[in-house]
Amino acid sequence: MREKKNIPDSGRIRDKARSQEKLIQSIGDILIRKSYAELNISTVTKISQLNPKLIYLYFENLEGLIRTYLNRKISQKENALRLAEHMASIPHQVVDEDIFSLLEIQFEKITQDPEWKGILHWGMSCKNDLTLPLLKQHEKTLNVVVEILKKNKKLAEHIDPVLYALLAAGTTFIAINSRLKDAKLLGLDLNDEQTKKRIKDTLERILIKSG
């Protein structure tokens, strides 16, 4: 009779941590390589190459796994959010260059992070309750400017909140839709670096007063 090997507790802990990490990352991989429509047990199992029973063992169910993944994203405070919080603490010192920087950083974050594109696309397309905290975080970051304009009357003289809302919504829409490889908008290649530069140059020209 073959002797059963005893696995040290430290080994079990490491194996559990690795398996959990692979399962969590598989959610991000699905959002990058496929779409939110394929967030199911079958696809998670295929990408993680782990037994689906582990999903129930570690996270209770698929929703628990997705929630863990999204909570991790929420906990990662982004540069745009840090800038927004700083601006909110000194509303009367904010200048138009700061508002441009906030939109620029947020735009770059989404265009450079395929997971964020997938999450925002999922949340805005389906209004899924699981993605709601991240959508609110995104909106809160951008909404800081509206609150600042209410307090900084000098700044509000040449930045219309409606104009800002259109710019914020437009850059978000463009960034999310660049998730497609051949994404185009009115003939513009949304994944072309020159197009991205033209978008940022236009934002700068609109938001920053010359002279």
N, C-alpha and C. Protein backbone atom coordinates (compact mmCIF):
# COMPACT_ATOMS: atom_id res chain seq x y z
N MET A 1 0.84 -1.19 0.00
CA MET A 1 0.00 0.00 0.00
C MET A 1 0.88 1.25 0.00
N ARG A 2 0.59 2.20 -0.99
CA ARG A 2 1.41 3.39 -1.10
C ARG A 2 1.20 4.30 0.10
N GLU A 3 2.32 4.79 0.63
CA GLU A 3 2.24 5.66 1.80
C GLU A 3 1.75 7.05 1.38
N LYS A 4 0.79 7.58 2.07
CA LYS A 4 0.22 8.89 1.78
C LYS A 4 1.16 9.98 2.30
N LYS A 5 1.53 10.87 1.38
CA LYS A 5 2.43 11.95 1.75
C LYS A 5 1.68 13.05 2.49
N ASN A 6 2.30 13.52 3.54
CA ASN A 6 1.71 14.64 4.28
C ASN A 6 2.21 15.96 3.69
N ILE A 7 1.27 16.84 3.30
CA ILE A 7 1.62 18.15 2.76
C ILE A 7 1.62 19.15 3.89
N PRO A 8 2.75 19.82 4.10
CA PRO A 8 2.81 20.82 5.19
C PRO A 8 1.72 21.88 5.02
N ASP A 9 1.27 22.42 6.15
CA ASP A 9 0.24 23.45 6.10
C ASP A 9 0.67 24.65 5.26
N SER A 10 1.96 25.02 5.32
CA SER A 10 2.45 26.17 4.55
C SER A 10 2.28 25.92 3.05
N GLY A 11 2.46 24.64 2.65
CA GLY A 11 2.29 24.29 1.24
C GLY A 11 0.84 24.42 0.81
N ARG A 12 -0.07 23.99 1.67
CA ARG A 12 -1.50 24.10 1.37
C ARG A 12 -1.92 25.57 1.26
N ILE A 13 -1.38 26.39 2.15
CA ILE A 13 -1.71 27.82 2.13
C ILE A 13 -1.24 28.46 0.84
N ARG A 14 -0.01 28.10 0.42
CA ARG A 14 0.52 28.67 -0.82
C ARG A 14 -0.30 28.21 -2.02
N ASP A 15 -0.67 26.94 -2.04
CA ASP A 15 -1.48 26.41 -3.14
C ASP A 15 -2.83 27.11 -3.19
N LYS A 16 -3.43 27.32 -2.02
CA LYS A 16 -4.73 28.00 -1.95
C LYS A 16 -4.61 29.43 -2.48
N ALA A 17 -3.56 30.13 -2.04
CA ALA A 17 -3.35 31.52 -2.45
C ALA A 17 -3.13 31.61 -3.96
N ARG A 18 -2.35 30.66 -4.51
CA ARG A 18 -2.10 30.67 -5.96
C ARG A 18 -3.38 30.40 -6.73
N SER A 19 -4.16 29.46 -6.26
CA SER A 19 -5.42 29.12 -6.94
C SER A 19 -6.39 30.30 -6.88
N GLN A 20 -6.49 30.93 -5.73
CA GLN A 20 -7.37 32.09 -5.59
C GLN A 20 -6.95 33.20 -6.54
N GLU A 21 -5.65 33.43 -6.61
CA GLU A 21 -5.12 34.49 -7.48
C GLU A 21 -5.42 34.19 -8.95
N LYS A 22 -5.25 32.94 -9.35
CA LYS A 22 -5.53 32.57 -10.74
C LYS A 22 -7.00 32.75 -11.08
N LEU A 23 -7.86 32.41 -10.15
CA LEU A 23 -9.30 32.57 -10.37
C LEU A 23 -9.68 34.05 -10.46
N ILE A 24 -9.13 34.86 -9.57
CA ILE A 24 -9.42 36.30 -9.58
C ILE A 24 -8.93 36.92 -10.88
N GLN A 25 -7.70 36.57 -11.28
CA GLN A 25 -7.14 37.15 -12.50
C GLN A 25 -7.88 36.68 -13.74
N SER A 26 -8.49 35.50 -13.66
CA SER A 26 -9.23 35.00 -14.83
C SER A 26 -10.39 35.92 -15.18
N ILE A 27 -10.96 36.59 -14.17
CA ILE A 27 -12.04 37.54 -14.43
C ILE A 27 -11.51 38.70 -15.27
N GLY A 28 -10.35 39.22 -14.88
CA GLY A 28 -9.73 40.30 -15.65
C GLY A 28 -9.38 39.84 -17.06
N ASP A 29 -8.87 38.62 -17.18
CA ASP A 29 -8.50 38.09 -18.50
C ASP A 29 -9.72 37.99 -19.42
N ILE A 30 -10.85 37.59 -18.86
CA ILE A 30 -12.09 37.48 -19.65
C ILE A 30 -12.52 38.86 -20.14
N LEU A 31 -12.44 39.86 -19.27
CA LEU A 31 -12.83 41.21 -19.65
C LEU A 31 -11.89 41.78 -20.71
N ILE A 32 -10.63 41.35 -20.69
CA ILE A 32 -9.66 41.83 -21.67
C ILE A 32 -9.82 41.09 -23.00
N ARG A 33 -9.83 39.77 -22.94
CA ARG A 33 -9.78 38.96 -24.15
C ARG A 33 -11.14 38.66 -24.74
N LYS A 34 -12.18 38.73 -23.91
CA LYS A 34 -13.52 38.39 -24.41
C LYS A 34 -14.48 39.53 -24.09
N SER A 35 -15.46 39.32 -23.24
CA SER A 35 -16.37 40.39 -22.82
C SER A 35 -17.11 39.95 -21.58
N TYR A 36 -17.83 40.89 -20.97
CA TYR A 36 -18.58 40.58 -19.75
C TYR A 36 -19.62 39.49 -19.99
N ALA A 37 -20.07 39.32 -21.24
CA ALA A 37 -21.08 38.30 -21.57
C ALA A 37 -20.56 36.89 -21.33
N GLU A 38 -19.23 36.74 -21.27
CA GLU A 38 -18.64 35.41 -21.08
C GLU A 38 -18.11 35.21 -19.67
N LEU A 39 -18.59 36.00 -18.75
CA LEU A 39 -18.23 35.79 -17.34
C LEU A 39 -19.11 34.68 -16.78
N ASN A 40 -18.67 33.46 -16.99
CA ASN A 40 -19.41 32.30 -16.51
C ASN A 40 -18.43 31.26 -16.00
N ILE A 41 -18.96 30.26 -15.33
CA ILE A 41 -18.12 29.21 -14.74
C ILE A 41 -17.27 28.51 -15.79
N SER A 42 -17.87 28.23 -16.93
CA SER A 42 -17.16 27.51 -17.99
C SER A 42 -15.93 28.26 -18.48
N THR A 43 -16.09 29.56 -18.74
CA THR A 43 -14.97 30.35 -19.24
C THR A 43 -13.91 30.55 -18.18
N VAL A 44 -14.32 30.78 -16.94
CA VAL A 44 -13.37 30.93 -15.83
C VAL A 44 -12.54 29.66 -15.67
N THR A 45 -13.21 28.52 -15.76
CA THR A 45 -12.53 27.23 -15.64
C THR A 45 -11.52 27.04 -16.76
N LYS A 46 -11.92 27.40 -17.97
CA LYS A 46 -11.06 27.23 -19.14
C LYS A 46 -9.82 28.11 -19.04
N ILE A 47 -9.99 29.36 -18.63
CA ILE A 47 -8.87 30.29 -18.57
C ILE A 47 -7.96 30.01 -17.38
N SER A 48 -8.54 29.71 -16.24
CA SER A 48 -7.74 29.45 -15.03
C SER A 48 -7.14 28.05 -15.03
N GLN A 49 -7.77 27.15 -15.79
CA GLN A 49 -7.36 25.73 -15.82
C GLN A 49 -7.40 25.11 -14.42
N LEU A 50 -8.42 25.50 -13.67
CA LEU A 50 -8.61 24.96 -12.33
C LEU A 50 -9.99 24.31 -12.24
N ASN A 51 -10.12 23.42 -11.27
CA ASN A 51 -11.39 22.75 -11.05
C ASN A 51 -12.45 23.77 -10.63
N PRO A 52 -13.62 23.78 -11.29
CA PRO A 52 -14.67 24.75 -10.95
C PRO A 52 -15.13 24.66 -9.50
N LYS A 53 -14.90 23.51 -8.86
CA LYS A 53 -15.29 23.36 -7.46
C LYS A 53 -14.57 24.36 -6.56
N LEU A 54 -13.36 24.79 -7.01
CA LEU A 54 -12.58 25.73 -6.21
C LEU A 54 -13.26 27.10 -6.13
N ILE A 55 -14.03 27.44 -7.15
CA ILE A 55 -14.77 28.71 -7.13
C ILE A 55 -15.74 28.71 -5.96
N TYR A 56 -16.44 27.59 -5.78
CA TYR A 56 -17.41 27.47 -4.70
C TYR A 56 -16.71 27.33 -3.34
N LEU A 57 -15.55 26.67 -3.35
CA LEU A 57 -14.81 26.46 -2.11
C LEU A 57 -14.26 27.78 -1.55
N TYR A 58 -13.68 28.60 -2.44
CA TYR A 58 -13.02 29.82 -2.01
C TYR A 58 -13.90 31.07 -2.02
N PHE A 59 -14.91 31.09 -2.92
CA PHE A 59 -15.69 32.32 -3.11
C PHE A 59 -17.20 32.11 -2.99
N GLU A 60 -17.62 30.91 -2.65
CA GLU A 60 -19.03 30.52 -2.52
C GLU A 60 -19.73 30.33 -3.86
N ASN A 61 -19.51 31.25 -4.79
CA ASN A 61 -20.12 31.13 -6.12
C ASN A 61 -19.41 32.10 -7.08
N LEU A 62 -19.87 32.12 -8.33
CA LEU A 62 -19.24 32.99 -9.33
C LEU A 62 -19.37 34.46 -8.96
N GLU A 63 -20.53 34.83 -8.43
CA GLU A 63 -20.74 36.23 -8.03
C GLU A 63 -19.75 36.65 -6.96
N GLY A 64 -19.45 35.74 -6.04
CA GLY A 64 -18.47 36.03 -5.00
C GLY A 64 -17.08 36.24 -5.57
N LEU A 65 -16.73 35.46 -6.58
CA LEU A 65 -15.43 35.61 -7.25
C LEU A 65 -15.37 36.96 -7.97
N ILE A 66 -16.42 37.30 -8.71
CA ILE A 66 -16.45 38.57 -9.43
C ILE A 66 -16.40 39.74 -8.47
N ARG A 67 -17.13 39.63 -7.37
CA ARG A 67 -17.15 40.70 -6.38
C ARG A 67 -15.75 40.91 -5.77
N THR A 68 -15.05 39.79 -5.50
CA THR A 68 -13.69 39.89 -4.97
C THR A 68 -12.77 40.61 -5.95
N TYR A 69 -12.90 40.27 -7.23
CA TYR A 69 -12.10 40.92 -8.28
C TYR A 69 -12.39 42.42 -8.32
N LEU A 70 -13.67 42.79 -8.32
CA LEU A 70 -14.06 44.20 -8.42
C LEU A 70 -13.66 44.98 -7.17
N ASN A 71 -13.76 44.35 -6.00
CA ASN A 71 -13.35 45.02 -4.76
C ASN A 71 -11.86 45.32 -4.78
N ARG A 72 -11.09 44.44 -5.39
CA ARG A 72 -9.66 44.69 -5.50
C ARG A 72 -9.41 45.91 -6.38
N LYS A 73 -10.16 46.03 -7.47
CA LYS A 73 -10.00 47.18 -8.36
C LYS A 73 -10.39 48.48 -7.64
N ILE A 74 -11.43 48.40 -6.82
CA ILE A 74 -11.88 49.58 -6.08
C ILE A 74 -10.79 50.05 -5.11
N SER A 75 -10.10 49.10 -4.51
CA SER A 75 -9.09 49.43 -3.50
C SER A 75 -7.83 50.04 -4.10
N GLN A 76 -7.66 49.92 -5.42
CA GLN A 76 -6.49 50.47 -6.09
C GLN A 76 -6.75 51.94 -6.44
N LYS A 77 -6.35 52.83 -5.56
CA LYS A 77 -6.62 54.25 -5.78
C LYS A 77 -5.77 54.76 -6.95
N GLU A 78 -6.45 55.26 -7.97
CA GLU A 78 -5.77 55.70 -9.19
C GLU A 78 -5.29 57.14 -9.07
N ASN A 79 -4.37 57.51 -9.99
CA ASN A 79 -3.81 58.85 -9.98
C ASN A 79 -4.87 59.93 -10.17
N ALA A 80 -5.86 59.66 -11.03
CA ALA A 80 -6.91 60.64 -11.28
C ALA A 80 -7.71 60.90 -10.00
N LEU A 81 -7.98 59.85 -9.25
CA LEU A 81 -8.74 60.00 -8.01
C LEU A 81 -7.92 60.79 -6.99
N ARG A 82 -6.62 60.52 -6.92
CA ARG A 82 -5.75 61.26 -5.99
C ARG A 82 -5.74 62.75 -6.34
N LEU A 83 -5.64 63.03 -7.64
CA LEU A 83 -5.64 64.43 -8.09
C LEU A 83 -6.97 65.09 -7.77
N ALA A 84 -8.07 64.37 -8.01
CA ALA A 84 -9.40 64.91 -7.75
C ALA A 84 -9.56 65.23 -6.27
N GLU A 85 -9.11 64.34 -5.40
CA GLU A 85 -9.21 64.57 -3.96
C GLU A 85 -8.38 65.78 -3.53
N HIS A 86 -7.20 65.93 -4.13
CA HIS A 86 -6.35 67.08 -3.82
C HIS A 86 -7.03 68.37 -4.28
N MET A 87 -7.59 68.37 -5.49
CA MET A 87 -8.28 69.54 -6.01
C MET A 87 -9.47 69.92 -5.13
N ALA A 88 -10.19 68.92 -4.66
CA ALA A 88 -11.36 69.16 -3.82
C ALA A 88 -10.98 69.81 -2.49
N SER A 89 -9.75 69.57 -2.03
CA SER A 89 -9.30 70.13 -0.75
C SER A 89 -8.87 71.59 -0.87
N ILE A 90 -8.61 72.04 -2.12
CA ILE A 90 -8.19 73.44 -2.35
C ILE A 90 -8.96 74.03 -3.54
N PRO A 91 -10.27 74.06 -3.48
CA PRO A 91 -11.08 74.47 -4.64
C PRO A 91 -10.76 75.85 -5.20
N HIS A 92 -10.39 76.79 -4.33
CA HIS A 92 -10.14 78.15 -4.79
C HIS A 92 -8.76 78.32 -5.42
N GLN A 93 -7.93 77.29 -5.31
CA GLN A 93 -6.60 77.35 -5.92
C GLN A 93 -6.53 76.59 -7.25
N VAL A 94 -7.62 75.92 -7.59
CA VAL A 94 -7.64 75.12 -8.82
C VAL A 94 -7.67 76.03 -10.04
N VAL A 95 -6.85 75.68 -11.04
CA VAL A 95 -6.83 76.43 -12.30
C VAL A 95 -7.23 75.51 -13.44
N ASP A 96 -7.45 76.09 -14.61
CA ASP A 96 -7.93 75.29 -15.74
C ASP A 96 -6.96 74.18 -16.13
N GLU A 97 -5.65 74.42 -15.92
CA GLU A 97 -4.67 73.37 -16.23
C GLU A 97 -4.91 72.11 -15.38
N ASP A 98 -5.37 72.31 -14.15
CA ASP A 98 -5.66 71.17 -13.27
C ASP A 98 -6.81 70.34 -13.82
N ILE A 99 -7.83 71.01 -14.34
CA ILE A 99 -8.99 70.31 -14.89
C ILE A 99 -8.58 69.53 -16.14
N PHE A 100 -7.75 70.15 -16.96
CA PHE A 100 -7.23 69.44 -18.13
C PHE A 100 -6.44 68.21 -17.70
N SER A 101 -5.59 68.37 -16.69
CA SER A 101 -4.77 67.24 -16.21
C SER A 101 -5.64 66.09 -15.72
N LEU A 102 -6.73 66.43 -15.02
CA LEU A 102 -7.62 65.40 -14.50
C LEU A 102 -8.24 64.59 -15.65
N LEU A 103 -8.75 65.28 -16.66
CA LEU A 103 -9.33 64.58 -17.81
C LEU A 103 -8.28 63.78 -18.57
N GLU A 104 -7.09 64.36 -18.70
CA GLU A 104 -6.02 63.68 -19.42
C GLU A 104 -5.60 62.39 -18.72
N ILE A 105 -5.41 62.48 -17.40
CA ILE A 105 -4.99 61.31 -16.63
C ILE A 105 -6.06 60.23 -16.66
N GLN A 106 -7.33 60.63 -16.51
CA GLN A 106 -8.43 59.67 -16.53
C GLN A 106 -8.54 59.02 -17.90
N PHE A 107 -8.39 59.80 -18.95
CA PHE A 107 -8.45 59.29 -20.33
C PHE A 107 -7.33 58.28 -20.57
N GLU A 108 -6.12 58.64 -20.14
CA GLU A 108 -4.98 57.74 -20.34
C GLU A 108 -5.15 56.46 -19.54
N LYS A 109 -5.69 56.59 -18.32
CA LYS A 109 -5.88 55.41 -17.48
C LYS A 109 -6.77 54.39 -18.17
N ILE A 110 -7.90 54.85 -18.69
CA ILE A 110 -8.85 53.92 -19.32
C ILE A 110 -8.27 53.34 -20.61
N THR A 111 -7.66 54.20 -21.44
CA THR A 111 -7.14 53.71 -22.72
C THR A 111 -5.99 52.73 -22.54
N GLN A 112 -5.23 52.88 -21.46
CA GLN A 112 -4.07 52.02 -21.25
C GLN A 112 -4.37 50.78 -20.42
N ASP A 113 -5.55 50.72 -19.80
CA ASP A 113 -5.90 49.59 -18.95
C ASP A 113 -7.09 48.85 -19.55
N PRO A 114 -6.85 47.74 -20.26
CA PRO A 114 -7.94 47.01 -20.91
C PRO A 114 -8.96 46.45 -19.92
N GLU A 115 -8.55 46.19 -18.69
CA GLU A 115 -9.50 45.70 -17.69
C GLU A 115 -10.52 46.79 -17.34
N TRP A 116 -10.02 48.03 -17.18
CA TRP A 116 -10.92 49.14 -16.87
C TRP A 116 -11.90 49.37 -18.01
N LYS A 117 -11.43 49.25 -19.24
CA LYS A 117 -12.32 49.38 -20.39
C LYS A 117 -13.44 48.36 -20.30
N GLY A 118 -13.05 47.12 -20.00
CA GLY A 118 -14.04 46.04 -19.91
C GLY A 118 -15.03 46.25 -18.78
N ILE A 119 -14.54 46.72 -17.63
CA ILE A 119 -15.42 46.94 -16.47
C ILE A 119 -16.41 48.06 -16.76
N LEU A 120 -15.91 49.19 -17.27
CA LEU A 120 -16.79 50.33 -17.55
C LEU A 120 -17.80 50.01 -18.65
N HIS A 121 -17.33 49.28 -19.66
CA HIS A 121 -18.24 48.87 -20.75
C HIS A 121 -19.34 47.97 -20.20
N TRP A 122 -18.97 47.06 -19.33
CA TRP A 122 -19.92 46.14 -18.71
C TRP A 122 -20.92 46.91 -17.86
N GLY A 123 -20.41 47.79 -17.01
CA GLY A 123 -21.28 48.53 -16.11
C GLY A 123 -22.22 49.48 -16.82
N MET A 124 -21.72 50.17 -17.83
CA MET A 124 -22.54 51.14 -18.53
C MET A 124 -23.50 50.49 -19.52
N SER A 125 -23.14 49.32 -19.99
CA SER A 125 -24.01 48.62 -20.94
C SER A 125 -25.15 47.89 -20.24
N CYS A 126 -24.83 47.28 -19.10
CA CYS A 126 -25.81 46.43 -18.41
C CYS A 126 -26.31 46.99 -17.08
N LYS A 127 -25.67 48.05 -16.60
CA LYS A 127 -26.02 48.61 -15.29
C LYS A 127 -26.03 47.52 -14.22
N ASN A 128 -24.97 46.70 -14.26
CA ASN A 128 -24.84 45.60 -13.32
C ASN A 128 -24.53 46.12 -11.92
N ASP A 129 -25.25 45.63 -10.92
CA ASP A 129 -25.08 46.10 -9.54
C ASP A 129 -23.66 45.87 -9.02
N LEU A 130 -23.01 44.82 -9.51
CA LEU A 130 -21.67 44.50 -9.03
C LEU A 130 -20.67 45.59 -9.43
N THR A 131 -20.88 46.19 -10.59
CA THR A 131 -19.95 47.20 -11.08
C THR A 131 -20.29 48.61 -10.58
N LEU A 132 -21.42 48.75 -9.91
CA LEU A 132 -21.90 50.07 -9.49
C LEU A 132 -20.88 50.85 -8.66
N PRO A 133 -20.19 50.23 -7.68
CA PRO A 133 -19.20 50.99 -6.89
C PRO A 133 -18.09 51.59 -7.76
N LEU A 134 -17.64 50.83 -8.77
CA LEU A 134 -16.59 51.34 -9.64
C LEU A 134 -17.10 52.45 -10.55
N LEU A 135 -18.33 52.31 -11.02
CA LEU A 135 -18.93 53.37 -11.83
C LEU A 135 -19.07 54.65 -11.01
N LYS A 136 -19.48 54.49 -9.75
CA LYS A 136 -19.63 55.65 -8.88
C LYS A 136 -18.27 56.29 -8.60
N GLN A 137 -17.25 55.46 -8.46
CA GLN A 137 -15.91 55.98 -8.23
C GLN A 137 -15.44 56.80 -9.43
N HIS A 138 -15.69 56.28 -10.62
CA HIS A 138 -15.33 56.98 -11.85
C HIS A 138 -16.08 58.31 -11.94
N GLU A 139 -17.38 58.26 -11.67
CA GLU A 139 -18.21 59.47 -11.73
C GLU A 139 -17.80 60.48 -10.66
N LYS A 140 -17.50 59.99 -9.46
CA LYS A 140 -17.10 60.87 -8.36
C LYS A 140 -15.81 61.60 -8.70
N THR A 141 -14.87 60.90 -9.32
CA THR A 141 -13.61 61.51 -9.70
C THR A 141 -13.85 62.69 -10.64
N LEU A 142 -14.70 62.48 -11.64
CA LEU A 142 -14.97 63.53 -12.62
C LEU A 142 -15.87 64.62 -12.06
N ASN A 143 -16.77 64.26 -11.16
CA ASN A 143 -17.75 65.20 -10.62
C ASN A 143 -17.12 66.23 -9.68
N VAL A 144 -15.91 65.96 -9.22
CA VAL A 144 -15.21 66.90 -8.35
C VAL A 144 -15.13 68.28 -9.00
N VAL A 145 -14.91 68.30 -10.31
CA VAL A 145 -14.76 69.58 -11.02
C VAL A 145 -16.04 70.41 -10.93
N VAL A 146 -17.19 69.77 -11.05
CA VAL A 146 -18.47 70.48 -10.96
C VAL A 146 -18.60 71.16 -9.60
N GLU A 147 -18.21 70.42 -8.56
CA GLU A 147 -18.29 70.99 -7.21
C GLU A 147 -17.31 72.15 -7.05
N ILE A 148 -16.15 72.04 -7.68
CA ILE A 148 -15.15 73.11 -7.60
C ILE A 148 -15.65 74.36 -8.31
N LEU A 149 -16.28 74.18 -9.46
CA LEU A 149 -16.80 75.32 -10.22
C LEU A 149 -17.86 76.10 -9.44
N LYS A 150 -18.57 75.41 -8.55
CA LYS A 150 -19.58 76.08 -7.73
C LYS A 150 -18.93 76.99 -6.68
N LYS A 151 -17.69 76.64 -6.30
CA LYS A 151 -17.00 77.40 -5.25
C LYS A 151 -16.00 78.40 -5.83
N ASN A 152 -15.42 78.04 -6.97
CA ASN A 152 -14.41 78.90 -7.59
C ASN A 152 -15.06 79.69 -8.73
N LYS A 153 -15.61 80.85 -8.39
CA LYS A 153 -16.37 81.64 -9.36
C LYS A 153 -15.50 82.16 -10.49
N LYS A 154 -14.26 82.48 -10.19
CA LYS A 154 -13.36 82.97 -11.22
C LYS A 154 -13.11 81.91 -12.29
N LEU A 155 -12.90 80.68 -11.83
CA LEU A 155 -12.69 79.58 -12.76
C LEU A 155 -13.96 79.31 -13.57
N ALA A 156 -15.11 79.43 -12.90
CA ALA A 156 -16.39 79.14 -13.55
C ALA A 156 -16.74 80.16 -14.64
N GLU A 157 -16.05 81.30 -14.64
CA GLU A 157 -16.33 82.33 -15.65
C GLU A 157 -15.98 81.87 -17.06
N HIS A 158 -15.00 80.98 -17.16
CA HIS A 158 -14.61 80.54 -18.52
C HIS A 158 -14.63 79.03 -18.71
N ILE A 159 -15.18 78.30 -17.74
CA ILE A 159 -15.42 76.87 -17.93
C ILE A 159 -16.87 76.57 -17.60
N ASP A 160 -17.64 76.30 -18.59
CA ASP A 160 -19.06 75.99 -18.42
C ASP A 160 -19.20 74.55 -17.94
N PRO A 161 -19.93 74.30 -16.85
CA PRO A 161 -20.12 72.93 -16.36
C PRO A 161 -20.70 71.99 -17.43
N VAL A 162 -21.56 72.53 -18.29
CA VAL A 162 -22.15 71.71 -19.36
C VAL A 162 -21.06 71.31 -20.36
N LEU A 163 -20.19 72.25 -20.71
CA LEU A 163 -19.08 71.95 -21.60
C LEU A 163 -18.18 70.88 -20.99
N TYR A 164 -17.87 71.06 -19.71
CA TYR A 164 -17.03 70.08 -19.03
C TYR A 164 -17.69 68.70 -19.02
N ALA A 165 -19.00 68.65 -18.76
CA ALA A 165 -19.72 67.37 -18.73
C ALA A 165 -19.64 66.68 -20.09
N LEU A 166 -19.78 67.46 -21.17
CA LEU A 166 -19.69 66.89 -22.52
C LEU A 166 -18.28 66.35 -22.79
N LEU A 167 -17.27 67.08 -22.35
CA LEU A 167 -15.89 66.64 -22.55
C LEU A 167 -15.60 65.38 -21.74
N ALA A 168 -16.06 65.35 -20.49
CA ALA A 168 -15.84 64.19 -19.62
C ALA A 168 -16.53 62.96 -20.18
N ALA A 169 -17.78 63.14 -20.60
CA ALA A 169 -18.53 62.01 -21.16
C ALA A 169 -17.92 61.56 -22.47
N GLY A 170 -17.49 62.51 -23.29
CA GLY A 170 -16.91 62.17 -24.59
C GLY A 170 -15.61 61.40 -24.47
N THR A 171 -14.72 61.85 -23.58
CA THR A 171 -13.45 61.15 -23.41
C THR A 171 -13.66 59.76 -22.82
N THR A 172 -14.63 59.64 -21.92
CA THR A 172 -14.94 58.32 -21.35
C THR A 172 -15.46 57.38 -22.44
N PHE A 173 -16.38 57.88 -23.25
CA PHE A 173 -16.95 57.08 -24.34
C PHE A 173 -15.86 56.62 -25.31
N ILE A 174 -14.99 57.55 -25.70
CA ILE A 174 -13.92 57.22 -26.64
C ILE A 174 -12.97 56.19 -26.03
N ALA A 175 -12.60 56.40 -24.76
CA ALA A 175 -11.67 55.49 -24.10
C ALA A 175 -12.24 54.08 -24.00
N ILE A 176 -13.51 53.97 -23.62
CA ILE A 176 -14.13 52.66 -23.49
C ILE A 176 -14.22 51.96 -24.84
N ASN A 177 -14.62 52.70 -25.86
CA ASN A 177 -14.81 52.09 -27.18
C ASN A 177 -13.50 51.76 -27.88
N SER A 178 -12.39 52.24 -27.36
CA SER A 178 -11.10 51.87 -27.96
C SER A 178 -10.71 50.44 -27.59
N ARG A 179 -11.57 49.76 -26.81
CA ARG A 179 -11.28 48.38 -26.42
C ARG A 179 -11.31 47.45 -27.63
N LEU A 180 -12.01 47.83 -28.68
CA LEU A 180 -12.05 47.03 -29.90
C LEU A 180 -10.81 47.31 -30.74
N LYS A 181 -10.26 46.27 -31.33
CA LYS A 181 -9.01 46.38 -32.06
C LYS A 181 -9.10 47.37 -33.21
N ASP A 182 -10.19 47.35 -33.95
CA ASP A 182 -10.34 48.23 -35.11
C ASP A 182 -11.34 49.36 -34.84
N ALA A 183 -11.40 49.80 -33.59
CA ALA A 183 -12.37 50.81 -33.19
C ALA A 183 -12.16 52.12 -33.93
N LYS A 184 -13.24 52.63 -34.49
CA LYS A 184 -13.19 53.90 -35.21
C LYS A 184 -14.39 54.75 -34.82
N LEU A 185 -14.20 56.06 -34.86
CA LEU A 185 -15.28 57.01 -34.59
C LEU A 185 -15.14 58.14 -35.59
N LEU A 186 -16.13 58.26 -36.45
CA LEU A 186 -16.12 59.29 -37.50
C LEU A 186 -14.80 59.26 -38.29
N GLY A 187 -14.35 58.04 -38.58
CA GLY A 187 -13.14 57.87 -39.38
C GLY A 187 -11.85 57.92 -38.59
N LEU A 188 -11.92 58.25 -37.29
CA LEU A 188 -10.71 58.30 -36.47
C LEU A 188 -10.42 56.93 -35.86
N ASP A 189 -9.18 56.49 -35.98
CA ASP A 189 -8.75 55.23 -35.37
C ASP A 189 -8.50 55.49 -33.89
N LEU A 190 -9.36 54.95 -33.02
CA LEU A 190 -9.29 55.26 -31.60
C LEU A 190 -8.08 54.64 -30.91
N ASN A 191 -7.42 53.69 -31.57
CA ASN A 191 -6.24 53.07 -30.97
C ASN A 191 -4.93 53.64 -31.52
N ASP A 192 -5.05 54.60 -32.41
CA ASP A 192 -3.87 55.22 -32.98
C ASP A 192 -3.31 56.26 -32.02
N GLU A 193 -2.00 56.20 -31.76
CA GLU A 193 -1.38 57.12 -30.81
C GLU A 193 -1.52 58.58 -31.23
N GLN A 194 -1.47 58.81 -32.54
CA GLN A 194 -1.61 60.18 -33.03
C GLN A 194 -3.03 60.70 -32.77
N THR A 195 -4.02 59.81 -32.91
CA THR A 195 -5.41 60.20 -32.60
C THR A 195 -5.56 60.56 -31.14
N LYS A 196 -4.96 59.75 -30.27
CA LYS A 196 -5.02 60.03 -28.82
C LYS A 196 -4.38 61.37 -28.51
N LYS A 197 -3.26 61.67 -29.18
CA LYS A 197 -2.59 62.94 -28.95
C LYS A 197 -3.47 64.09 -29.43
N ARG A 198 -4.14 63.92 -30.57
CA ARG A 198 -5.02 64.97 -31.08
C ARG A 198 -6.19 65.22 -30.13
N ILE A 199 -6.69 64.15 -29.52
CA ILE A 199 -7.79 64.29 -28.57
C ILE A 199 -7.33 65.11 -27.36
N LYS A 200 -6.14 64.78 -26.84
CA LYS A 200 -5.62 65.50 -25.67
C LYS A 200 -5.28 66.95 -26.02
N ASP A 201 -4.75 67.17 -27.23
CA ASP A 201 -4.45 68.53 -27.66
C ASP A 201 -5.72 69.37 -27.76
N THR A 202 -6.79 68.74 -28.23
CA THR A 202 -8.07 69.44 -28.35
C THR A 202 -8.64 69.78 -26.98
N LEU A 203 -8.55 68.83 -26.05
CA LEU A 203 -8.98 69.10 -24.68
C LEU A 203 -8.22 70.27 -24.08
N GLU A 204 -6.92 70.27 -24.31
CA GLU A 204 -6.09 71.34 -23.78
C GLU A 204 -6.47 72.68 -24.38
N ARG A 205 -6.72 72.69 -25.67
CA ARG A 205 -7.07 73.92 -26.37
C ARG A 205 -8.42 74.47 -25.87
N ILE A 206 -9.35 73.57 -25.58
CA ILE A 206 -10.68 74.00 -25.12
C ILE A 206 -10.65 74.49 -23.68
N LEU A 207 -9.93 73.76 -22.83
CA LEU A 207 -9.99 74.02 -21.39
C LEU A 207 -9.04 75.10 -20.88
N ILE A 208 -7.90 75.21 -21.53
CA ILE A 208 -6.90 76.13 -21.00
C ILE A 208 -6.95 77.46 -21.75
N LYS A 209 -7.20 78.51 -21.02
CA LYS A 209 -7.30 79.85 -21.60
C LYS A 209 -5.92 80.28 -22.12
N SER A 210 -5.90 80.83 -23.30
CA SER A 210 -4.64 81.31 -23.83
C SER A 210 -4.47 82.79 -23.49
N GLY A 211 -3.26 83.17 -23.36
CA GLY A 211 -2.97 84.59 -23.14
C GLY A 211 -3.18 85.03 -21.75
